[in-house]
């Protein structure tokens, strides 16, 4: 299918375009997983485990969630400072 026909079908919602896409090569930028090891004091591990249990997720999930939240918060704050 030519790009113009694909764009037209998409823009006019005439047909579902998902069948026209090759999803086998789909990639999410900056989403490649890398393993890291971090040492924490036992009181931190205990606190993480309590919070993870309270929320109903694993220790690894709560660590990931909190790190991502903090990084997004820092990026938003930086954007706000630059936008002023």
N, C-alpha and C. Protein backbone atom coordinates (compact mmCIF):
# COMPACT_ATOMS: atom_id res chain seq x y z
N UNK A 1 0.85 -1.17 0.00
CA UNK A 1 0.00 0.00 0.00
C UNK A 1 0.90 1.23 0.00
N UNK A 2 0.57 2.17 -0.81
CA UNK A 2 1.32 3.43 -0.90
C UNK A 2 1.00 4.30 0.32
N UNK A 3 1.94 5.16 0.66
CA UNK A 3 1.79 6.01 1.84
C UNK A 3 0.57 6.91 1.74
N UNK A 4 0.31 7.43 0.55
CA UNK A 4 -0.86 8.32 0.38
C UNK A 4 -2.16 7.58 0.67
N UNK A 5 -2.27 6.34 0.20
CA UNK A 5 -3.48 5.55 0.45
C UNK A 5 -3.60 5.22 1.94
N UNK A 6 -2.47 4.88 2.56
CA UNK A 6 -2.47 4.60 3.99
C UNK A 6 -2.93 5.83 4.77
N UNK A 7 -2.34 6.99 4.45
CA UNK A 7 -2.72 8.23 5.13
C UNK A 7 -4.19 8.55 4.93
N UNK A 8 -4.68 8.36 3.72
CA UNK A 8 -6.08 8.65 3.43
C UNK A 8 -7.00 7.76 4.25
N UNK A 9 -6.69 6.46 4.29
CA UNK A 9 -7.49 5.52 5.08
C UNK A 9 -7.49 5.90 6.56
N UNK A 10 -6.32 6.32 7.04
CA UNK A 10 -6.20 6.73 8.45
C UNK A 10 -7.01 8.00 8.70
N UNK A 11 -6.79 9.00 7.85
CA UNK A 11 -7.46 10.29 8.05
C UNK A 11 -8.98 10.20 7.93
N UNK A 12 -9.45 9.37 7.04
CA UNK A 12 -10.89 9.28 6.81
C UNK A 12 -11.56 8.17 7.61
N UNK A 13 -10.75 7.44 8.37
CA UNK A 13 -11.27 6.34 9.20
C UNK A 13 -12.14 5.38 8.40
N UNK A 14 -11.77 5.17 7.14
CA UNK A 14 -12.57 4.30 6.29
C UNK A 14 -12.37 2.83 6.63
N UNK A 15 -11.20 2.49 7.09
CA UNK A 15 -10.95 1.09 7.42
C UNK A 15 -9.93 1.01 8.54
N UNK A 16 -9.92 -0.13 9.17
CA UNK A 16 -8.95 -0.37 10.24
C UNK A 16 -7.58 -0.53 9.60
N UNK A 17 -6.62 0.29 10.02
CA UNK A 17 -5.29 0.26 9.42
C UNK A 17 -4.33 -0.70 10.11
N UNK A 18 -4.74 -1.29 11.22
CA UNK A 18 -3.83 -2.14 11.98
C UNK A 18 -3.31 -3.31 11.15
N UNK A 19 -4.15 -3.82 10.25
CA UNK A 19 -3.71 -4.94 9.41
C UNK A 19 -2.67 -4.52 8.40
N UNK A 20 -2.53 -3.23 8.15
CA UNK A 20 -1.56 -2.72 7.20
C UNK A 20 -0.21 -2.43 7.84
N UNK A 21 -0.10 -2.61 9.14
CA UNK A 21 1.14 -2.33 9.86
C UNK A 21 1.91 -3.62 10.15
N UNK A 22 3.23 -3.52 10.09
CA UNK A 22 4.10 -4.65 10.45
C UNK A 22 4.50 -4.46 11.90
N UNK A 23 3.79 -5.12 12.80
CA UNK A 23 4.04 -4.94 14.24
C UNK A 23 5.18 -5.81 14.75
N UNK A 24 5.74 -6.67 13.89
CA UNK A 24 6.83 -7.56 14.33
C UNK A 24 8.11 -6.77 14.60
N UNK A 25 8.23 -5.59 14.04
CA UNK A 25 9.43 -4.79 14.24
C UNK A 25 9.20 -3.62 15.20
N UNK A 26 8.07 -3.62 15.86
CA UNK A 26 7.70 -2.55 16.77
C UNK A 26 8.71 -2.45 17.91
N UNK A 27 9.16 -1.23 18.20
CA UNK A 27 10.08 -0.98 19.30
C UNK A 27 9.64 0.26 20.05
N UNK A 28 9.90 0.26 21.34
CA UNK A 28 9.62 1.43 22.16
C UNK A 28 10.95 2.08 22.51
N UNK A 29 11.18 3.31 22.07
CA UNK A 29 12.45 3.96 22.34
C UNK A 29 12.71 4.11 23.84
N UNK A 30 13.95 3.93 24.22
CA UNK A 30 14.40 4.09 25.61
C UNK A 30 13.70 3.15 26.58
N UNK A 31 13.23 2.00 26.11
CA UNK A 31 12.54 1.06 26.98
C UNK A 31 13.30 -0.25 27.17
N UNK A 32 14.52 -0.34 26.63
CA UNK A 32 15.30 -1.56 26.79
C UNK A 32 15.64 -1.73 28.27
N UNK A 33 15.43 -2.93 28.74
CA UNK A 33 15.67 -3.23 30.15
C UNK A 33 17.16 -3.45 30.41
N UNK A 34 17.65 -2.93 31.51
CA UNK A 34 19.01 -3.17 31.98
C UNK A 34 18.93 -3.52 33.45
N UNK A 35 19.71 -4.50 33.84
CA UNK A 35 19.71 -4.94 35.23
C UNK A 35 20.74 -4.14 36.02
N UNK A 36 20.33 -3.72 37.22
CA UNK A 36 21.23 -3.05 38.15
C UNK A 36 21.08 -3.70 39.52
N UNK A 37 22.12 -3.65 40.28
CA UNK A 37 22.09 -4.15 41.65
C UNK A 37 22.30 -2.96 42.59
N UNK A 38 21.45 -2.86 43.58
CA UNK A 38 21.54 -1.78 44.54
C UNK A 38 21.49 -2.37 45.94
N UNK A 39 22.40 -1.94 46.78
CA UNK A 39 22.43 -2.40 48.16
C UNK A 39 21.73 -1.36 49.04
N UNK A 40 20.79 -1.84 49.88
CA UNK A 40 20.06 -0.98 50.81
C UNK A 40 20.25 -1.50 52.22
N UNK A 41 20.18 -0.62 53.19
CA UNK A 41 20.17 -1.08 54.59
C UNK A 41 18.90 -1.91 54.82
N UNK A 42 18.96 -2.82 55.79
CA UNK A 42 17.81 -3.70 56.02
C UNK A 42 16.54 -2.94 56.38
N UNK A 43 16.65 -1.81 57.08
CA UNK A 43 15.44 -1.06 57.42
C UNK A 43 14.75 -0.53 56.16
N UNK A 44 15.54 -0.20 55.13
CA UNK A 44 14.95 0.28 53.87
C UNK A 44 14.21 -0.87 53.19
N UNK A 45 14.82 -2.05 53.18
CA UNK A 45 14.18 -3.22 52.58
C UNK A 45 12.87 -3.54 53.30
N UNK A 46 12.90 -3.49 54.62
CA UNK A 46 11.68 -3.76 55.40
C UNK A 46 10.59 -2.74 55.07
N UNK A 47 10.96 -1.47 54.97
CA UNK A 47 9.98 -0.43 54.64
C UNK A 47 9.44 -0.62 53.22
N UNK A 48 10.33 -0.96 52.29
CA UNK A 48 9.89 -1.22 50.92
C UNK A 48 8.92 -2.39 50.87
N UNK A 49 9.25 -3.45 51.60
CA UNK A 49 8.38 -4.63 51.61
C UNK A 49 7.01 -4.33 52.20
N UNK A 50 6.97 -3.53 53.26
CA UNK A 50 5.70 -3.16 53.86
C UNK A 50 4.85 -2.36 52.88
N UNK A 51 5.48 -1.38 52.23
CA UNK A 51 4.73 -0.54 51.29
C UNK A 51 4.29 -1.36 50.08
N UNK A 52 5.16 -2.21 49.58
CA UNK A 52 4.81 -3.05 48.44
C UNK A 52 3.64 -3.97 48.79
N UNK A 53 3.66 -4.52 49.98
CA UNK A 53 2.58 -5.39 50.42
C UNK A 53 1.28 -4.61 50.56
N UNK A 54 1.37 -3.41 51.11
CA UNK A 54 0.19 -2.57 51.28
C UNK A 54 -0.46 -2.24 49.94
N UNK A 55 0.38 -1.95 48.93
CA UNK A 55 -0.12 -1.58 47.61
C UNK A 55 -0.49 -2.82 46.80
N UNK A 56 0.11 -3.95 47.14
CA UNK A 56 -0.19 -5.20 46.43
C UNK A 56 0.70 -5.43 45.23
N UNK A 57 1.96 -4.98 45.33
CA UNK A 57 2.92 -5.19 44.25
C UNK A 57 4.21 -5.76 44.83
N UNK A 58 5.14 -6.07 43.97
CA UNK A 58 6.42 -6.60 44.43
C UNK A 58 7.34 -5.46 44.88
N UNK A 59 8.38 -5.83 45.60
CA UNK A 59 9.38 -4.85 46.03
C UNK A 59 9.98 -4.16 44.80
N UNK A 60 10.31 -4.93 43.78
CA UNK A 60 10.90 -4.37 42.57
C UNK A 60 9.95 -3.36 41.92
N UNK A 61 8.67 -3.68 41.91
CA UNK A 61 7.69 -2.77 41.30
C UNK A 61 7.59 -1.45 42.06
N UNK A 62 7.61 -1.51 43.38
CA UNK A 62 7.49 -0.27 44.15
C UNK A 62 8.74 0.59 43.96
N UNK A 63 9.90 -0.04 43.87
CA UNK A 63 11.13 0.70 43.62
C UNK A 63 11.07 1.37 42.26
N UNK A 64 10.67 0.62 41.24
CA UNK A 64 10.56 1.19 39.89
C UNK A 64 9.56 2.34 39.87
N UNK A 65 8.41 2.13 40.47
CA UNK A 65 7.36 3.15 40.49
C UNK A 65 7.86 4.43 41.13
N UNK A 66 8.48 4.31 42.29
CA UNK A 66 8.94 5.50 42.99
C UNK A 66 10.05 6.22 42.23
N UNK A 67 10.95 5.46 41.64
CA UNK A 67 12.03 6.09 40.87
C UNK A 67 11.48 6.83 39.66
N UNK A 68 10.57 6.20 38.95
CA UNK A 68 9.97 6.84 37.78
C UNK A 68 9.20 8.09 38.19
N UNK A 69 8.43 8.00 39.27
CA UNK A 69 7.69 9.18 39.75
C UNK A 69 8.64 10.32 40.07
N UNK A 70 9.73 10.02 40.72
CA UNK A 70 10.70 11.05 41.11
C UNK A 70 11.37 11.67 39.90
N UNK A 71 11.74 10.84 38.93
CA UNK A 71 12.39 11.35 37.72
C UNK A 71 11.42 12.21 36.90
N UNK A 72 10.16 11.79 36.82
CA UNK A 72 9.17 12.59 36.10
C UNK A 72 8.92 13.92 36.82
N UNK A 73 8.90 13.87 38.14
CA UNK A 73 8.72 15.09 38.93
C UNK A 73 9.87 16.06 38.69
N UNK A 74 11.09 15.54 38.69
CA UNK A 74 12.26 16.39 38.46
C UNK A 74 12.22 16.98 37.05
N UNK A 75 11.83 16.18 36.06
CA UNK A 75 11.75 16.67 34.68
C UNK A 75 10.69 17.75 34.56
N UNK A 76 9.55 17.57 35.23
CA UNK A 76 8.48 18.57 35.20
C UNK A 76 8.94 19.86 35.87
N UNK A 77 9.63 19.75 36.99
CA UNK A 77 10.13 20.94 37.68
C UNK A 77 11.15 21.67 36.82
N UNK A 78 12.00 20.92 36.15
CA UNK A 78 13.01 21.53 35.28
C UNK A 78 12.34 22.24 34.12
N UNK A 79 11.30 21.63 33.55
CA UNK A 79 10.57 22.25 32.44
C UNK A 79 9.89 23.53 32.90
N UNK A 80 9.35 23.51 34.12
CA UNK A 80 8.69 24.71 34.65
C UNK A 80 9.69 25.85 34.86
N UNK A 81 10.87 25.51 35.35
CA UNK A 81 11.90 26.54 35.57
C UNK A 81 12.35 27.11 34.24
N UNK A 82 12.53 26.27 33.25
CA UNK A 82 12.97 26.75 31.93
C UNK A 82 11.88 27.54 31.23
N UNK A 83 10.63 27.24 31.54
CA UNK A 83 9.50 27.93 30.90
C UNK A 83 9.21 29.30 31.49
N UNK A 84 9.81 29.62 32.63
CA UNK A 84 9.52 30.90 33.29
C UNK A 84 10.25 32.04 32.63
